[in-house]
Amino acid sequence: MWRMWRVIDPRKAIVLVGLLIAFISTSIHLIQISGDRYNINSWHPDTAKAAAAKAQQPQNAALPQK
């Protein structure tokens, strides 16, 4: 194991891993808040009310045909 650190600079490796974790966590966060498909906060009362209200709304009307 110690030979690996002779090839890879430990400071750069730690910074790279930190940036990778920050990128992945930011991506996951943005995906979850981007839409209802990935909404995992259905336990929150406001979110549950909004989802119920949205389910009761009628679908959009069809586009007129030419």
Protein backbone atom coordinates (compact mmCIF):
# COMPACT_ATOMS: atom_id res chain seq x y z
CA MET A 1 0.00 0.00 0.00
CA TRP A 2 2.81 2.41 0.78
CA ARG A 3 4.14 2.07 -2.78
CA MET A 4 0.90 3.45 -4.17
CA TRP A 5 1.53 6.75 -2.38
CA ARG A 6 4.95 6.98 -3.99
CA VAL A 7 3.21 7.03 -7.38
CA ILE A 8 0.19 9.17 -6.41
CA ASP A 9 0.58 12.46 -4.53
CA PRO A 10 -1.58 12.14 -1.37
CA ARG A 11 -2.57 15.82 -1.34
CA LYS A 12 -3.82 15.70 -4.92
CA ALA A 13 -5.63 12.43 -4.27
CA ILE A 14 -7.44 13.86 -1.22
CA VAL A 15 -8.44 17.02 -3.11
CA LEU A 16 -9.63 14.95 -6.09
CA VAL A 17 -11.71 12.65 -3.89
CA GLY A 18 -13.23 15.67 -2.13
CA LEU A 19 -14.15 17.28 -5.45
CA LEU A 20 -15.62 14.01 -6.70
CA ILE A 21 -17.79 13.65 -3.58
CA ALA A 22 -18.93 17.28 -3.86
CA PHE A 23 -19.83 16.82 -7.54
CA ILE A 24 -21.76 13.61 -6.93
CA SER A 25 -23.66 15.00 -3.94
CA THR A 26 -24.54 18.19 -5.83
CA SER A 27 -25.72 16.17 -8.83
CA ILE A 28 -27.92 13.95 -6.67
CA HIS A 29 -29.36 16.99 -4.90
CA LEU A 30 -30.20 18.78 -8.15
CA ILE A 31 -31.77 15.67 -9.66
CA GLN A 32 -33.99 15.19 -6.61
CA ILE A 33 -35.25 18.77 -6.57
CA SER A 34 -35.63 19.00 -10.35
CA GLY A 35 -39.04 17.41 -10.58
CA ASP A 36 -41.77 15.25 -9.09
CA ARG A 37 -40.39 12.05 -10.55
CA TYR A 38 -37.53 11.94 -8.05
CA ASN A 39 -39.36 13.65 -5.18
CA ILE A 40 -38.56 11.66 -2.05
CA ASN A 41 -40.05 14.22 0.34
CA SER A 42 -43.60 12.87 0.15
CA TRP A 43 -43.70 12.67 3.96
CA HIS A 44 -43.69 16.48 4.26
CA PRO A 45 -47.24 17.86 4.61
CA ASP A 46 -46.80 20.67 2.08
CA THR A 47 -45.40 18.30 -0.51
CA ALA A 48 -48.15 15.76 0.09
CA LYS A 49 -50.83 18.47 -0.30
CA ALA A 50 -49.25 19.74 -3.51
CA ALA A 51 -49.05 16.22 -4.94
CA ALA A 52 -52.70 15.55 -4.06
CA ALA A 53 -53.79 18.83 -5.63
CA LYS A 54 -51.78 18.13 -8.75
CA ALA A 55 -53.31 14.65 -9.08
CA GLN A 56 -56.81 16.15 -9.08
CA GLN A 57 -56.09 18.66 -11.84
CA PRO A 58 -57.28 17.70 -15.32
CA GLN A 59 -54.79 16.90 -18.02
CA ASN A 60 -53.83 19.54 -20.54
CA ALA A 61 -56.12 19.80 -23.55
CA ALA A 62 -54.93 18.25 -26.81
CA LEU A 63 -53.35 20.49 -29.40
CA PRO A 64 -55.66 21.48 -32.25
CA GLN A 65 -55.25 19.46 -35.43
CA LYS A 66 -54.46 21.22 -38.71
